[in-house]
PDB file of N, CA and C in Angstrom:
ATOM      1  N   UNK A   1     102.598  18.731  66.037  1.00  0.00           N
ATOM      2  CA  UNK A   1     101.671  18.723  65.260  1.00  0.00           C
ATOM      3  C   UNK A   1     101.782  19.199  64.109  1.00  0.00           C
ATOM      4  N   UNK A   2     100.884  18.249  63.063  1.00  0.00           N
ATOM      5  CA  UNK A   2     101.384  18.707  61.694  1.00  0.00           C
ATOM      6  C   UNK A   2     100.322  19.959  61.455  1.00  0.00           C
ATOM      7  N   UNK A   3     100.779  20.607  60.321  1.00  0.00           N
ATOM      8  CA  UNK A   3     100.007  21.542  59.880  1.00  0.00           C
ATOM      9  C   UNK A   3      99.498  20.938  58.780  1.00  0.00           C
ATOM     10  N   UNK A   4      98.030  21.824  58.597  1.00  0.00           N
ATOM     11  CA  UNK A   4      96.968  21.148  57.646  1.00  0.00           C
ATOM     12  C   UNK A   4      96.849  22.506  56.787  1.00  0.00           C
ATOM     13  N   UNK A   5      96.368  21.995  55.456  1.00  0.00           N
ATOM     14  CA  UNK A   5      96.218  23.307  54.437  1.00  0.00           C
ATOM     15  C   UNK A   5      94.774  22.741  53.925  1.00  0.00           C
ATOM     16  N   UNK A   6      94.025  23.739  53.563  1.00  0.00           N
ATOM     17  CA  UNK A   6      92.810  23.671  52.744  1.00  0.00           C
ATOM     18  C   UNK A   6      93.269  24.736  51.825  1.00  0.00           C
ATOM     19  N   UNK A   7      93.072  24.464  50.463  1.00  0.00           N
ATOM     20  CA  UNK A   7      93.016  25.271  49.329  1.00  0.00           C
ATOM     21  C   UNK A   7      91.915  25.950  49.181  1.00  0.00           C
ATOM     22  N   UNK A   8      91.716  27.483  49.530  1.00  0.00           N
ATOM     23  CA  UNK A   8      90.467  27.936  48.740  1.00  0.00           C
ATOM     24  C   UNK A   8      90.775  28.855  48.021  1.00  0.00           C
ATOM     25  N   UNK A   9      89.801  29.410  47.322  1.00  0.00           N
ATOM     26  CA  UNK A   9      88.394  28.901  47.392  1.00  0.00           C
ATOM     27  C   UNK A   9      87.771  27.616  46.735  1.00  0.00           C
ATOM     28  N   UNK A  10      87.410  26.623  47.369  1.00  0.00           N
ATOM     29  CA  UNK A  10      86.926  25.479  46.696  1.00  0.00           C
ATOM     30  C   UNK A  10      85.187  25.187  46.512  1.00  0.00           C
ATOM     31  N   UNK A  11      84.955  24.636  45.569  1.00  0.00           N
ATOM     32  CA  UNK A  11      83.389  24.405  45.438  1.00  0.00           C
ATOM     33  C   UNK A  11      82.970  23.029  46.506  1.00  0.00           C
ATOM     34  N   UNK A  12      84.004  22.549  46.944  1.00  0.00           N
ATOM     35  CA  UNK A  12      83.765  21.259  47.671  1.00  0.00           C
ATOM     36  C   UNK A  12      84.140  21.410  48.908  1.00  0.00           C
ATOM     37  N   UNK A  13      83.691  22.609  49.850  1.00  0.00           N
ATOM     38  CA  UNK A  13      84.803  22.730  51.146  1.00  0.00           C
ATOM     39  C   UNK A  13      84.641  21.716  51.964  1.00  0.00           C
ATOM     40  N   UNK A  14      83.059  20.858  51.961  1.00  0.00           N
ATOM     41  CA  UNK A  14      82.769  19.892  53.047  1.00  0.00           C
ATOM     42  C   UNK A  14      83.637  18.589  52.943  1.00  0.00           C
ATOM     43  N   UNK A  15      83.661  18.478  51.736  1.00  0.00           N
ATOM     44  CA  UNK A  15      84.280  17.363  51.312  1.00  0.00           C
ATOM     45  C   UNK A  15      85.831  17.673  51.606  1.00  0.00           C
ATOM     46  N   UNK A  16      86.519  18.345  50.915  1.00  0.00           N
ATOM     47  CA  UNK A  16      88.039  18.886  51.474  1.00  0.00           C
ATOM     48  C   UNK A  16      87.931  19.185  52.912  1.00  0.00           C
ATOM     49  N   UNK A  17      87.005  19.343  53.594  1.00  0.00           N
ATOM     50  CA  UNK A  17      87.583  19.291  55.451  1.00  0.00           C
ATOM     51  C   UNK A  17      87.501  17.820  55.594  1.00  0.00           C
ATOM     52  N   UNK A  18      86.651  17.045  55.359  1.00  0.00           N
ATOM     53  CA  UNK A  18      86.842  15.759  55.714  1.00  0.00           C
ATOM     54  C   UNK A  18      87.811  14.814  55.421  1.00  0.00           C
ATOM     55  N   UNK A  19      88.190  15.212  53.952  1.00  0.00           N
ATOM     56  CA  UNK A  19      89.468  14.493  53.263  1.00  0.00           C
ATOM     57  C   UNK A  19      90.615  14.832  54.264  1.00  0.00           C
ATOM     58  N   UNK A  20      90.940  16.364  54.789  1.00  0.00           N
ATOM     59  CA  UNK A  20      92.293  16.315  55.473  1.00  0.00           C
ATOM     60  C   UNK A  20      91.844  15.974  56.786  1.00  0.00           C
ATOM     61  N   UNK A  21      90.848  15.396  57.396  1.00  0.00           N
ATOM     62  CA  UNK A  21      90.909  15.150  58.948  1.00  0.00           C
ATOM     63  C   UNK A  21      90.192  16.252  59.753  1.00  0.00           C
ATOM     64  N   UNK A  22      90.265  17.180  59.165  1.00  0.00           N
ATOM     65  CA  UNK A  22      89.638  18.268  59.874  1.00  0.00           C
ATOM     66  C   UNK A  22      87.929  18.294  60.825  1.00  0.00           C
ATOM     67  N   UNK A  23      87.956  18.122  61.715  1.00  0.00           N
ATOM     68  CA  UNK A  23      86.573  17.975  62.379  1.00  0.00           C
ATOM     69  C   UNK A  23      85.562  19.289  62.208  1.00  0.00           C
ATOM     70  N   UNK A  24      84.315  18.821  62.459  1.00  0.00           N
ATOM     71  CA  UNK A  24      83.416  19.868  62.253  1.00  0.00           C
ATOM     72  C   UNK A  24      83.217  20.397  63.615  1.00  0.00           C
ATOM     73  N   UNK A  25      82.596  21.653  64.017  1.00  0.00           N
ATOM     74  CA  UNK A  25      82.372  21.742  65.407  1.00  0.00           C
ATOM     75  C   UNK A  25      81.117  22.429  65.682  1.00  0.00           C
ATOM     76  N   UNK A  26      80.125  21.979  66.207  1.00  0.00           N
ATOM     77  CA  UNK A  26      78.780  22.303  66.078  1.00  0.00           C
ATOM     78  C   UNK A  26      78.889  23.340  66.943  1.00  0.00           C
ATOM     79  N   UNK A  27      77.789  24.391  66.882  1.00  0.00           N
ATOM     80  CA  UNK A  27      77.670  25.155  68.103  1.00  0.00           C
ATOM     81  C   UNK A  27      76.624  24.644  69.160  1.00  0.00           C
ATOM     82  N   UNK A  28      76.969  24.786  70.256  1.00  0.00           N
ATOM     83  CA  UNK A  28      76.105  24.431  71.334  1.00  0.00           C
ATOM     84  C   UNK A  28      75.755  25.283  72.481  1.00  0.00           C
ATOM     85  N   UNK A  29      74.850  25.113  73.348  1.00  0.00           N
ATOM     86  CA  UNK A  29      74.368  26.175  74.547  1.00  0.00           C
ATOM     87  C   UNK A  29      75.739  26.484  75.045  1.00  0.00           C
ATOM     88  N   UNK A  30      76.751  25.665  75.367  1.00  0.00           N
ATOM     89  CA  UNK A  30      77.653  26.220  76.266  1.00  0.00           C
ATOM     90  C   UNK A  30      78.743  27.050  75.577  1.00  0.00           C
ATOM     91  N   UNK A  31      78.651  27.310  74.187  1.00  0.00           N
ATOM     92  CA  UNK A  31      79.169  28.116  73.529  1.00  0.00           C
ATOM     93  C   UNK A  31      78.513  29.267  73.413  1.00  0.00           C
ATOM     94  N   UNK A  32      76.966  29.497  73.549  1.00  0.00           N
ATOM     95  CA  UNK A  32      76.507  30.166  73.372  1.00  0.00           C
ATOM     96  C   UNK A  32      76.653  31.095  74.732  1.00  0.00           C
ATOM     97  N   UNK A  33      76.608  30.377  75.965  1.00  0.00           N
ATOM     98  CA  UNK A  33      76.700  30.719  77.212  1.00  0.00           C
ATOM     99  C   UNK A  33      78.478  31.599  77.167  1.00  0.00           C
ATOM    100  N   UNK A  34      79.225  30.901  76.539  1.00  0.00           N
ATOM    101  CA  UNK A  34      80.930  31.782  76.808  1.00  0.00           C
ATOM    102  C   UNK A  34      80.526  32.702  75.895  1.00  0.00           C
ATOM    103  N   UNK A  35      79.893  32.880  74.940  1.00  0.00           N
ATOM    104  CA  UNK A  35      79.683  34.198  74.619  1.00  0.00           C
ATOM    105  C   UNK A  35      79.236  35.722  75.267  1.00  0.00           C
ATOM    106  N   UNK A  36      78.421  35.351  75.978  1.00  0.00           N
ATOM    107  CA  UNK A  36      77.826  36.293  77.061  1.00  0.00           C
ATOM    108  C   UNK A  36      78.711  36.613  77.877  1.00  0.00           C
ATOM    109  N   UNK A  37      79.832  35.782  78.028  1.00  0.00           N
ATOM    110  CA  UNK A  37      81.084  35.974  79.308  1.00  0.00           C
ATOM    111  C   UNK A  37      82.145  36.804  78.694  1.00  0.00           C
ATOM    112  N   UNK A  38      82.439  36.843  77.612  1.00  0.00           N
ATOM    113  CA  UNK A  38      83.118  37.614  76.437  1.00  0.00           C
ATOM    114  C   UNK A  38      83.307  39.072  76.900  1.00  0.00           C
ATOM    115  N   UNK A  39      84.420  39.502  77.302  1.00  0.00           N
ATOM    116  CA  UNK A  39      85.067  41.094  77.161  1.00  0.00           C
ATOM    117  C   UNK A  39      84.132  41.807  75.832  1.00  0.00           C
ATOM    118  N   UNK A  40      83.993  43.175  75.678  1.00  0.00           N
ATOM    119  CA  UNK A  40      83.667  43.416  74.671  1.00  0.00           C
ATOM    120  C   UNK A  40      84.391  43.831  73.575  1.00  0.00           C
ATOM    121  N   UNK A  41      85.850  43.534  73.299  1.00  0.00           N
ATOM    122  CA  UNK A  41      86.534  43.832  72.473  1.00  0.00           C
ATOM    123  C   UNK A  41      86.279  43.964  71.089  1.00  0.00           C
ATOM    124  N   UNK A  42      85.947  42.840  70.701  1.00  0.00           N
ATOM    125  CA  UNK A  42      85.402  42.420  69.266  1.00  0.00           C
ATOM    126  C   UNK A  42      83.845  42.746  69.203  1.00  0.00           C
ATOM    127  N   UNK A  43      83.384  43.476  68.174  1.00  0.00           N
ATOM    128  CA  UNK A  43      82.100  43.228  68.021  1.00  0.00           C
ATOM    129  C   UNK A  43      81.781  42.489  66.670  1.00  0.00           C
ATOM    130  N   UNK A  44      82.192  42.014  66.228  1.00  0.00           N
ATOM    131  CA  UNK A  44      81.442  40.817  64.998  1.00  0.00           C
ATOM    132  C   UNK A  44      81.029  39.596  65.917  1.00  0.00           C
ATOM    133  N   UNK A  45      79.655  39.462  65.509  1.00  0.00           N
ATOM    134  CA  UNK A  45      79.029  38.447  66.343  1.00  0.00           C
ATOM    135  C   UNK A  45      79.201  37.309  65.748  1.00  0.00           C
ATOM    136  N   UNK A  46      79.556  36.583  64.623  1.00  0.00           N
ATOM    137  CA  UNK A  46      80.277  35.346  64.234  1.00  0.00           C
ATOM    138  C   UNK A  46      81.848  35.299  64.834  1.00  0.00           C
ATOM    139  N   UNK A  47      82.939  36.349  64.919  1.00  0.00           N
ATOM    140  CA  UNK A  47      84.125  36.115  65.321  1.00  0.00           C
ATOM    141  C   UNK A  47      83.741  35.899  67.121  1.00  0.00           C
ATOM    142  N   UNK A  48      82.832  36.498  67.272  1.00  0.00           N
ATOM    143  CA  UNK A  48      83.047  36.253  69.007  1.00  0.00           C
ATOM    144  C   UNK A  48      82.386  35.010  69.176  1.00  0.00           C
ATOM    145  N   UNK A  49      81.619  34.302  68.212  1.00  0.00           N
ATOM    146  CA  UNK A  49      81.107  32.970  68.678  1.00  0.00           C
ATOM    147  C   UNK A  49      82.350  32.138  68.315  1.00  0.00           C
ATOM    148  N   UNK A  50      83.242  32.308  67.346  1.00  0.00           N
ATOM    149  CA  UNK A  50      84.433  31.691  66.984  1.00  0.00           C
ATOM    150  C   UNK A  50      85.440  31.644  68.087  1.00  0.00           C
ATOM    151  N   UNK A  51      85.318  32.698  68.874  1.00  0.00           N
ATOM    152  CA  UNK A  51      86.194  32.716  70.069  1.00  0.00           C
ATOM    153  C   UNK A  51      85.789  32.083  71.173  1.00  0.00           C
ATOM    154  N   UNK A  52      84.047  32.031  71.224  1.00  0.00           N
ATOM    155  CA  UNK A  52      83.479  31.304  72.435  1.00  0.00           C
ATOM    156  C   UNK A  52      83.990  30.024  72.313  1.00  0.00           C
ATOM    157  N   UNK A  53      83.629  29.644  71.247  1.00  0.00           N
ATOM    158  CA  UNK A  53      84.124  27.934  70.986  1.00  0.00           C
ATOM    159  C   UNK A  53      85.328  27.563  71.215  1.00  0.00           C
ATOM    160  N   UNK A  54      86.242  28.549  70.911  1.00  0.00           N
ATOM    161  CA  UNK A  54      88.104  28.090  70.997  1.00  0.00           C
ATOM    162  C   UNK A  54      88.135  28.358  72.555  1.00  0.00           C
ATOM    163  N   UNK A  55      87.493  29.050  73.255  1.00  0.00           N
ATOM    164  CA  UNK A  55      87.832  29.220  74.437  1.00  0.00           C
ATOM    165  C   UNK A  55      86.995  27.803  75.187  1.00  0.00           C
ATOM    166  N   UNK A  56      86.091  27.723  74.953  1.00  0.00           N
ATOM    167  CA  UNK A  56      85.412  26.625  76.008  1.00  0.00           C
ATOM    168  C   UNK A  56      85.638  25.342  75.500  1.00  0.00           C
ATOM    169  N   UNK A  57      86.045  25.250  74.131  1.00  0.00           N
ATOM    170  CA  UNK A  57      86.628  23.877  73.566  1.00  0.00           C
ATOM    171  C   UNK A  57      88.384  23.662  73.894  1.00  0.00           C
ATOM    172  N   UNK A  58      88.807  24.596  73.927  1.00  0.00           N
ATOM    173  CA  UNK A  58      90.573  24.803  74.104  1.00  0.00           C
ATOM    174  C   UNK A  58      90.780  24.371  73.196  1.00  0.00           C
ATOM    175  N   UNK A  59      90.782  25.236  72.060  1.00  0.00           N
ATOM    176  CA  UNK A  59      91.433  24.778  70.740  1.00  0.00           C
ATOM    177  C   UNK A  59      92.010  25.868  70.261  1.00  0.00           C
ATOM    178  N   UNK A  60      92.891  25.585  68.810  1.00  0.00           N
ATOM    179  CA  UNK A  60      93.596  26.950  68.529  1.00  0.00           C
ATOM    180  C   UNK A  60      92.652  27.507  67.360  1.00  0.00           C
ATOM    181  N   UNK A  61      93.054  28.728  67.169  1.00  0.00           N
ATOM    182  CA  UNK A  61      92.376  29.440  66.183  1.00  0.00           C
ATOM    183  C   UNK A  61      93.291  29.995  65.179  1.00  0.00           C
ATOM    184  N   UNK A  62      93.006  30.141  64.170  1.00  0.00           N
ATOM    185  CA  UNK A  62      94.047  30.374  62.746  1.00  0.00           C
ATOM    186  C   UNK A  62      93.169  31.699  62.729  1.00  0.00           C
ATOM    187  N   UNK A  63      94.083  32.643  62.332  1.00  0.00           N
ATOM    188  CA  UNK A  63      93.393  33.822  61.859  1.00  0.00           C
ATOM    189  C   UNK A  63      94.253  34.909  61.546  1.00  0.00           C
ATOM    190  N   UNK A  64      93.719  36.063  60.618  1.00  0.00           N
ATOM    191  CA  UNK A  64      94.711  37.515  60.492  1.00  0.00           C
ATOM    192  C   UNK A  64      94.127  38.234  61.454  1.00  0.00           C
ATOM    193  N   UNK A  65      92.827  38.182  62.391  1.00  0.00           N
ATOM    194  CA  UNK A  65      92.574  39.261  63.187  1.00  0.00           C
ATOM    195  C   UNK A  65      93.142  39.315  64.610  1.00  0.00           C
ATOM    196  N   UNK A  66      93.913  40.231  64.715  1.00  0.00           N
ATOM    197  CA  UNK A  66      95.049  40.179  65.942  1.00  0.00           C
ATOM    198  C   UNK A  66      94.030  40.400  67.271  1.00  0.00           C
ATOM    199  N   UNK A  67      92.760  40.885  67.105  1.00  0.00           N
ATOM    200  CA  UNK A  67      91.700  40.875  68.381  1.00  0.00           C
ATOM    201  C   UNK A  67      91.475  39.638  68.812  1.00  0.00           C
ATOM    202  N   UNK A  68      91.631  38.366  68.384  1.00  0.00           N
ATOM    203  CA  UNK A  68      91.524  37.212  68.917  1.00  0.00           C
ATOM    204  C   UNK A  68      92.559  36.953  69.864  1.00  0.00           C
ATOM    205  N   UNK A  69      93.950  37.872  70.047  1.00  0.00           N
ATOM    206  CA  UNK A  69      94.676  37.527  70.853  1.00  0.00           C
ATOM    207  C   UNK A  69      94.194  38.193  72.219  1.00  0.00           C
ATOM    208  N   UNK A  70      93.554  38.734  72.020  1.00  0.00           N
ATOM    209  CA  UNK A  70      92.919  39.733  73.072  1.00  0.00           C
ATOM    210  C   UNK A  70      92.191  38.792  74.304  1.00  0.00           C
ATOM    211  N   UNK A  71      91.396  37.556  73.449  1.00  0.00           N
ATOM    212  CA  UNK A  71      90.769  36.751  74.437  1.00  0.00           C
ATOM    213  C   UNK A  71      91.213  35.489  74.417  1.00  0.00           C
ATOM    214  N   UNK A  72      92.175  34.978  73.517  1.00  0.00           N
ATOM    215  CA  UNK A  72      92.569  33.433  73.786  1.00  0.00           C
ATOM    216  C   UNK A  72      94.210  33.624  73.728  1.00  0.00           C
ATOM    217  N   UNK A  73      95.032  32.637  74.254  1.00  0.00           N
ATOM    218  CA  UNK A  73      96.064  32.220  74.160  1.00  0.00           C
ATOM    219  C   UNK A  73      96.851  31.465  72.916  1.00  0.00           C
ATOM    220  N   UNK A  74      95.969  30.593  72.600  1.00  0.00           N
ATOM    221  CA  UNK A  74      96.389  30.097  71.444  1.00  0.00           C
ATOM    222  C   UNK A  74      95.759  30.261  70.151  1.00  0.00           C
ATOM    223  N   UNK A  75      96.538  31.202  69.427  1.00  0.00           N
ATOM    224  CA  UNK A  75      95.937  31.883  68.204  1.00  0.00           C
ATOM    225  C   UNK A  75      97.319  32.022  67.362  1.00  0.00           C
ATOM    226  N   UNK A  76      96.919  31.333  66.161  1.00  0.00           N
ATOM    227  CA  UNK A  76      98.134  31.557  65.138  1.00  0.00           C
ATOM    228  C   UNK A  76      97.689  32.578  64.171  1.00  0.00           C
ATOM    229  N   UNK A  77      98.471  33.757  64.178  1.00  0.00           N
ATOM    230  CA  UNK A  77      98.189  34.767  63.525  1.00  0.00           C
ATOM    231  C   UNK A  77      98.787  34.714  62.066  1.00  0.00           C
ATOM    232  N   UNK A  78      97.900  34.619  61.257  1.00  0.00           N
ATOM    233  CA  UNK A  78      98.631  34.914  59.599  1.00  0.00           C
ATOM    234  C   UNK A  78      98.410  36.022  58.850  1.00  0.00           C
ATOM    235  N   UNK A  79      99.117  36.369  57.934  1.00  0.00           N
ATOM    236  CA  UNK A  79      99.232  37.394  56.969  1.00  0.00           C
ATOM    237  C   UNK A  79      97.836  37.294  56.182  1.00  0.00           C
ATOM    238  N   UNK A  80      97.230  38.560  56.094  1.00  0.00           N
ATOM    239  CA  UNK A  80      96.389  38.892  55.120  1.00  0.00           C
ATOM    240  C   UNK A  80      96.851  38.917  53.747  1.00  0.00           C
TER     241      UNK A  80
END
């Protein structure tokens, strides 16, 4: 798998994402249901939604937050 990069901050993030072949992931009712099934390790609601989406869709998350590894097997940890 090739590593993709988005240079941030960007004033054109929507265009930058599309230009690099990243995909948008809309929030679905299945993601919301998965949030309710998560253990309570992480308290941030936005991060919990990202974790739920990654669990449900079986996709990798790139983050500096080590708590994600308590929920997911496929986490790429980066340095802050």
